[in-house]
Amino acid sequence: MKVLISSLHFKADAKLEKFITEKVNKVSSLFDGIIGSEVILKLDQSSTHENKVAEIRIQIPGNDLFAKKQAKTFEEAVDSSIDALKKQITKHKEKVKGI
């Protein structure tokens, strides 16, 4: 699966990109119909410490699944986004199976 990682207003290091790719690829093993994914990393201009934002869009036939989370680190934001996407994938699979 293709994982497109974009970082706005900064350069993401290779370690962070590898972490994101591994996490997104784990999610892709939950559902066979995933076409691709897009991850956008942003630095929020707020004064709080939780200014790292991760937006993850997973492309599946019909609809796209999307999660956006904000945390102290990009790793935390990606983790919580992935957790939200796992729930969405589970719901989508149940809907497709007609449960």
N, C-alpha and C. Protein backbone atom coordinates (compact mmCIF):
# COMPACT_ATOMS: atom_id res chain seq x y z
N MET A 1 0.85 -1.18 0.00
CA MET A 1 0.00 0.00 0.00
C MET A 1 0.89 1.24 0.00
N LYS A 2 0.44 2.22 -0.71
CA LYS A 2 1.18 3.48 -0.81
C LYS A 2 0.82 4.39 0.37
N VAL A 3 1.85 4.90 1.04
CA VAL A 3 1.67 5.83 2.16
C VAL A 3 2.34 7.14 1.77
N LEU A 4 1.54 8.20 1.65
CA LEU A 4 2.06 9.52 1.31
C LEU A 4 2.13 10.35 2.59
N ILE A 5 3.32 10.81 2.93
CA ILE A 5 3.52 11.59 4.16
C ILE A 5 3.90 13.01 3.78
N SER A 6 3.12 13.98 4.27
CA SER A 6 3.40 15.39 4.04
C SER A 6 3.58 16.08 5.38
N SER A 7 4.61 16.90 5.48
CA SER A 7 4.80 17.69 6.69
C SER A 7 4.80 19.16 6.28
N LEU A 8 3.91 19.91 6.92
CA LEU A 8 3.75 21.33 6.58
C LEU A 8 4.60 22.20 7.49
N HIS A 9 5.40 23.07 6.90
CA HIS A 9 6.22 24.06 7.58
C HIS A 9 7.38 23.47 8.38
N PHE A 10 7.72 22.20 8.14
CA PHE A 10 8.91 21.61 8.74
C PHE A 10 9.26 20.35 7.96
N LYS A 11 10.45 19.81 8.22
CA LYS A 11 10.92 18.59 7.55
C LYS A 11 10.88 17.44 8.54
N ALA A 12 10.07 16.43 8.25
CA ALA A 12 9.99 15.25 9.12
C ALA A 12 11.23 14.39 8.91
N ASP A 13 11.80 13.90 10.01
CA ASP A 13 12.99 13.06 9.89
C ASP A 13 12.62 11.63 9.47
N ALA A 14 13.61 10.89 9.05
CA ALA A 14 13.39 9.54 8.52
C ALA A 14 12.82 8.60 9.59
N LYS A 15 13.22 8.80 10.83
CA LYS A 15 12.73 7.95 11.92
C LYS A 15 11.22 8.12 12.10
N LEU A 16 10.74 9.36 12.05
CA LEU A 16 9.31 9.63 12.18
C LEU A 16 8.55 9.05 10.99
N GLU A 17 9.08 9.22 9.79
CA GLU A 17 8.42 8.69 8.60
C GLU A 17 8.35 7.17 8.65
N LYS A 18 9.39 6.52 9.13
CA LYS A 18 9.39 5.06 9.25
C LYS A 18 8.34 4.62 10.26
N PHE A 19 8.26 5.33 11.39
CA PHE A 19 7.26 5.04 12.42
C PHE A 19 5.85 5.12 11.85
N ILE A 20 5.57 6.19 11.12
CA ILE A 20 4.24 6.39 10.54
C ILE A 20 3.92 5.30 9.52
N THR A 21 4.88 4.99 8.66
CA THR A 21 4.67 3.96 7.64
C THR A 21 4.36 2.61 8.28
N GLU A 22 5.09 2.25 9.33
CA GLU A 22 4.85 0.98 10.01
C GLU A 22 3.45 0.95 10.63
N LYS A 23 3.04 2.03 11.28
CA LYS A 23 1.73 2.08 11.91
C LYS A 23 0.61 1.98 10.88
N VAL A 24 0.74 2.72 9.79
CA VAL A 24 -0.30 2.71 8.76
C VAL A 24 -0.37 1.34 8.07
N ASN A 25 0.78 0.71 7.86
CA ASN A 25 0.79 -0.61 7.25
C ASN A 25 0.14 -1.66 8.14
N LYS A 26 0.25 -1.51 9.46
CA LYS A 26 -0.43 -2.42 10.38
C LYS A 26 -1.94 -2.29 10.23
N VAL A 27 -2.41 -1.07 10.06
CA VAL A 27 -3.85 -0.85 9.88
C VAL A 27 -4.32 -1.47 8.56
N SER A 28 -3.48 -1.40 7.54
CA SER A 28 -3.88 -1.94 6.24
C SER A 28 -4.06 -3.45 6.29
N SER A 29 -3.44 -4.12 7.26
CA SER A 29 -3.62 -5.57 7.38
C SER A 29 -5.00 -5.93 7.93
N LEU A 30 -5.71 -4.95 8.52
CA LEU A 30 -7.04 -5.21 9.07
C LEU A 30 -8.12 -5.29 7.99
N PHE A 31 -7.87 -4.67 6.85
CA PHE A 31 -8.88 -4.59 5.80
C PHE A 31 -8.20 -4.66 4.44
N ASP A 32 -8.68 -5.58 3.59
CA ASP A 32 -8.02 -5.82 2.30
C ASP A 32 -8.31 -4.75 1.26
N GLY A 33 -9.39 -4.00 1.41
CA GLY A 33 -9.80 -3.07 0.37
C GLY A 33 -9.15 -1.70 0.41
N ILE A 34 -8.10 -1.53 1.18
CA ILE A 34 -7.46 -0.21 1.30
C ILE A 34 -6.63 0.06 0.04
N ILE A 35 -6.89 1.21 -0.56
CA ILE A 35 -6.20 1.61 -1.80
C ILE A 35 -4.89 2.33 -1.47
N GLY A 36 -4.95 3.27 -0.56
CA GLY A 36 -3.77 4.06 -0.21
C GLY A 36 -4.06 4.88 1.03
N SER A 37 -3.06 5.62 1.47
CA SER A 37 -3.26 6.47 2.64
C SER A 37 -2.42 7.73 2.51
N GLU A 38 -2.89 8.74 3.21
CA GLU A 38 -2.22 10.04 3.20
C GLU A 38 -2.12 10.54 4.63
N VAL A 39 -0.92 10.94 5.03
CA VAL A 39 -0.68 11.44 6.38
C VAL A 39 -0.17 12.87 6.26
N ILE A 40 -0.81 13.78 6.98
CA ILE A 40 -0.39 15.18 6.99
C ILE A 40 -0.01 15.55 8.42
N LEU A 41 1.20 16.03 8.58
CA LEU A 41 1.71 16.47 9.88
C LEU A 41 1.79 17.99 9.89
N LYS A 42 1.25 18.60 10.95
CA LYS A 42 1.24 20.06 11.05
C LYS A 42 1.70 20.48 12.43
N LEU A 43 2.26 21.66 12.50
CA LEU A 43 2.54 22.31 13.78
C LEU A 43 1.48 23.37 13.99
N ASP A 44 0.66 23.20 15.02
CA ASP A 44 -0.39 24.17 15.34
C ASP A 44 0.25 25.40 15.97
N GLN A 45 -0.29 26.55 15.70
CA GLN A 45 0.29 27.80 16.20
C GLN A 45 -0.24 28.20 17.57
N SER A 46 -0.81 27.23 18.31
CA SER A 46 -1.34 27.56 19.63
C SER A 46 -0.20 27.66 20.66
N SER A 47 -0.52 28.23 21.81
CA SER A 47 0.49 28.42 22.84
C SER A 47 0.63 27.20 23.76
N THR A 48 -0.21 26.20 23.58
CA THR A 48 -0.12 25.01 24.43
C THR A 48 0.99 24.08 23.95
N HIS A 49 1.35 23.12 24.80
CA HIS A 49 2.39 22.15 24.44
C HIS A 49 1.88 21.13 23.44
N GLU A 50 0.57 20.92 23.42
CA GLU A 50 -0.02 19.96 22.48
C GLU A 50 -0.28 20.64 21.15
N ASN A 51 0.80 20.90 20.41
CA ASN A 51 0.66 21.64 19.16
C ASN A 51 1.04 20.80 17.94
N LYS A 52 1.20 19.48 18.11
CA LYS A 52 1.50 18.61 16.98
C LYS A 52 0.20 17.97 16.50
N VAL A 53 -0.10 18.12 15.22
CA VAL A 53 -1.35 17.60 14.65
C VAL A 53 -1.03 16.56 13.58
N ALA A 54 -1.73 15.43 13.66
CA ALA A 54 -1.59 14.38 12.65
C ALA A 54 -2.97 14.13 12.04
N GLU A 55 -3.04 14.22 10.72
CA GLU A 55 -4.27 13.91 9.99
C GLU A 55 -3.98 12.71 9.12
N ILE A 56 -4.79 11.67 9.24
CA ILE A 56 -4.59 10.46 8.44
C ILE A 56 -5.87 10.17 7.68
N ARG A 57 -5.73 10.00 6.37
CA ARG A 57 -6.85 9.64 5.50
C ARG A 57 -6.51 8.31 4.86
N ILE A 58 -7.42 7.34 5.03
CA ILE A 58 -7.24 6.03 4.41
C ILE A 58 -8.28 5.90 3.31
N GLN A 59 -7.80 5.60 2.11
CA GLN A 59 -8.68 5.52 0.94
C GLN A 59 -9.16 4.09 0.76
N ILE A 60 -10.50 3.93 0.80
CA ILE A 60 -11.12 2.65 0.54
C ILE A 60 -12.20 2.87 -0.51
N PRO A 61 -12.61 1.81 -1.20
CA PRO A 61 -13.65 1.99 -2.21
C PRO A 61 -14.93 2.55 -1.58
N GLY A 62 -15.48 3.55 -2.19
CA GLY A 62 -16.70 4.18 -1.68
C GLY A 62 -16.41 5.42 -0.87
N ASN A 63 -15.88 5.25 0.32
CA ASN A 63 -15.62 6.37 1.23
C ASN A 63 -14.16 6.37 1.64
N ASP A 64 -13.72 7.49 2.17
CA ASP A 64 -12.40 7.58 2.79
C ASP A 64 -12.62 7.64 4.29
N LEU A 65 -11.73 7.00 5.03
CA LEU A 65 -11.76 7.09 6.49
C LEU A 65 -10.76 8.16 6.90
N PHE A 66 -11.12 8.98 7.89
CA PHE A 66 -10.30 10.13 8.25
C PHE A 66 -10.23 10.26 9.77
N ALA A 67 -9.05 10.58 10.27
CA ALA A 67 -8.87 10.88 11.69
C ALA A 67 -7.87 12.01 11.84
N LYS A 68 -8.17 12.93 12.76
CA LYS A 68 -7.28 14.06 13.03
C LYS A 68 -7.14 14.17 14.54
N LYS A 69 -5.89 14.10 15.01
CA LYS A 69 -5.63 14.18 16.44
C LYS A 69 -4.50 15.15 16.71
N GLN A 70 -4.52 15.72 17.93
CA GLN A 70 -3.52 16.68 18.35
C GLN A 70 -2.91 16.20 19.66
N ALA A 71 -1.58 16.27 19.78
CA ALA A 71 -0.91 15.78 20.98
C ALA A 71 0.41 16.52 21.19
N LYS A 72 1.15 16.12 22.23
CA LYS A 72 2.44 16.74 22.54
C LYS A 72 3.51 16.35 21.53
N THR A 73 3.43 15.12 21.00
CA THR A 73 4.40 14.65 20.02
C THR A 73 3.65 14.11 18.80
N PHE A 74 4.36 14.05 17.68
CA PHE A 74 3.74 13.50 16.48
C PHE A 74 3.45 12.01 16.65
N GLU A 75 4.30 11.31 17.40
CA GLU A 75 4.08 9.88 17.62
C GLU A 75 2.76 9.64 18.37
N GLU A 76 2.50 10.44 19.41
CA GLU A 76 1.25 10.31 20.16
C GLU A 76 0.06 10.64 19.27
N ALA A 77 0.17 11.69 18.47
CA ALA A 77 -0.92 12.09 17.59
C ALA A 77 -1.21 11.00 16.55
N VAL A 78 -0.15 10.40 16.00
CA VAL A 78 -0.33 9.33 15.02
C VAL A 78 -0.96 8.11 15.68
N ASP A 79 -0.49 7.76 16.89
CA ASP A 79 -1.05 6.61 17.60
C ASP A 79 -2.54 6.77 17.85
N SER A 80 -2.95 7.93 18.34
CA SER A 80 -4.37 8.13 18.63
C SER A 80 -5.19 8.19 17.34
N SER A 81 -4.62 8.72 16.27
CA SER A 81 -5.32 8.72 14.98
C SER A 81 -5.50 7.29 14.47
N ILE A 82 -4.46 6.47 14.61
CA ILE A 82 -4.52 5.08 14.18
C ILE A 82 -5.58 4.32 14.98
N ASP A 83 -5.66 4.57 16.29
CA ASP A 83 -6.68 3.93 17.11
C ASP A 83 -8.08 4.29 16.63
N ALA A 84 -8.28 5.56 16.31
CA ALA A 84 -9.58 5.99 15.80
C ALA A 84 -9.89 5.34 14.45
N LEU A 85 -8.88 5.21 13.61
CA LEU A 85 -9.09 4.58 12.30
C LEU A 85 -9.38 3.09 12.43
N LYS A 86 -8.77 2.42 13.40
CA LYS A 86 -9.06 1.00 13.62
C LYS A 86 -10.54 0.82 13.94
N LYS A 87 -11.09 1.70 14.79
CA LYS A 87 -12.52 1.63 15.12
C LYS A 87 -13.37 1.87 13.88
N GLN A 88 -12.97 2.84 13.06
CA GLN A 88 -13.73 3.13 11.85
C GLN A 88 -13.69 1.95 10.88
N ILE A 89 -12.53 1.29 10.76
CA ILE A 89 -12.40 0.15 9.86
C ILE A 89 -13.28 -1.00 10.36
N THR A 90 -13.30 -1.23 11.68
CA THR A 90 -14.14 -2.28 12.24
C THR A 90 -15.61 -2.02 11.94
N LYS A 91 -16.05 -0.77 12.12
CA LYS A 91 -17.44 -0.41 11.82
C LYS A 91 -17.74 -0.58 10.34
N HIS A 92 -16.80 -0.19 9.50
CA HIS A 92 -16.99 -0.30 8.06
C HIS A 92 -17.12 -1.76 7.63
N LYS A 93 -16.26 -2.63 8.21
CA LYS A 93 -16.31 -4.05 7.88
C LYS A 93 -17.65 -4.66 8.30
N GLU A 94 -18.14 -4.27 9.49
CA GLU A 94 -19.44 -4.76 9.95
C GLU A 94 -20.56 -4.28 9.04
N LYS A 95 -20.47 -3.05 8.59
CA LYS A 95 -21.49 -2.49 7.70
C LYS A 95 -21.49 -3.23 6.36
N VAL A 96 -20.30 -3.51 5.84
CA VAL A 96 -20.19 -4.20 4.56
C VAL A 96 -20.73 -5.63 4.66
N LYS A 97 -20.45 -6.29 5.79
CA LYS A 97 -20.93 -7.66 5.98
C LYS A 97 -22.42 -7.72 6.31
N GLY A 98 -22.99 -6.57 6.65
CA GLY A 98 -24.42 -6.50 6.96
C GLY A 98 -24.77 -6.94 8.37
N ILE A 99 -23.81 -6.79 9.27
CA ILE A 99 -24.05 -7.17 10.67
C ILE A 99 -24.75 -6.04 11.39
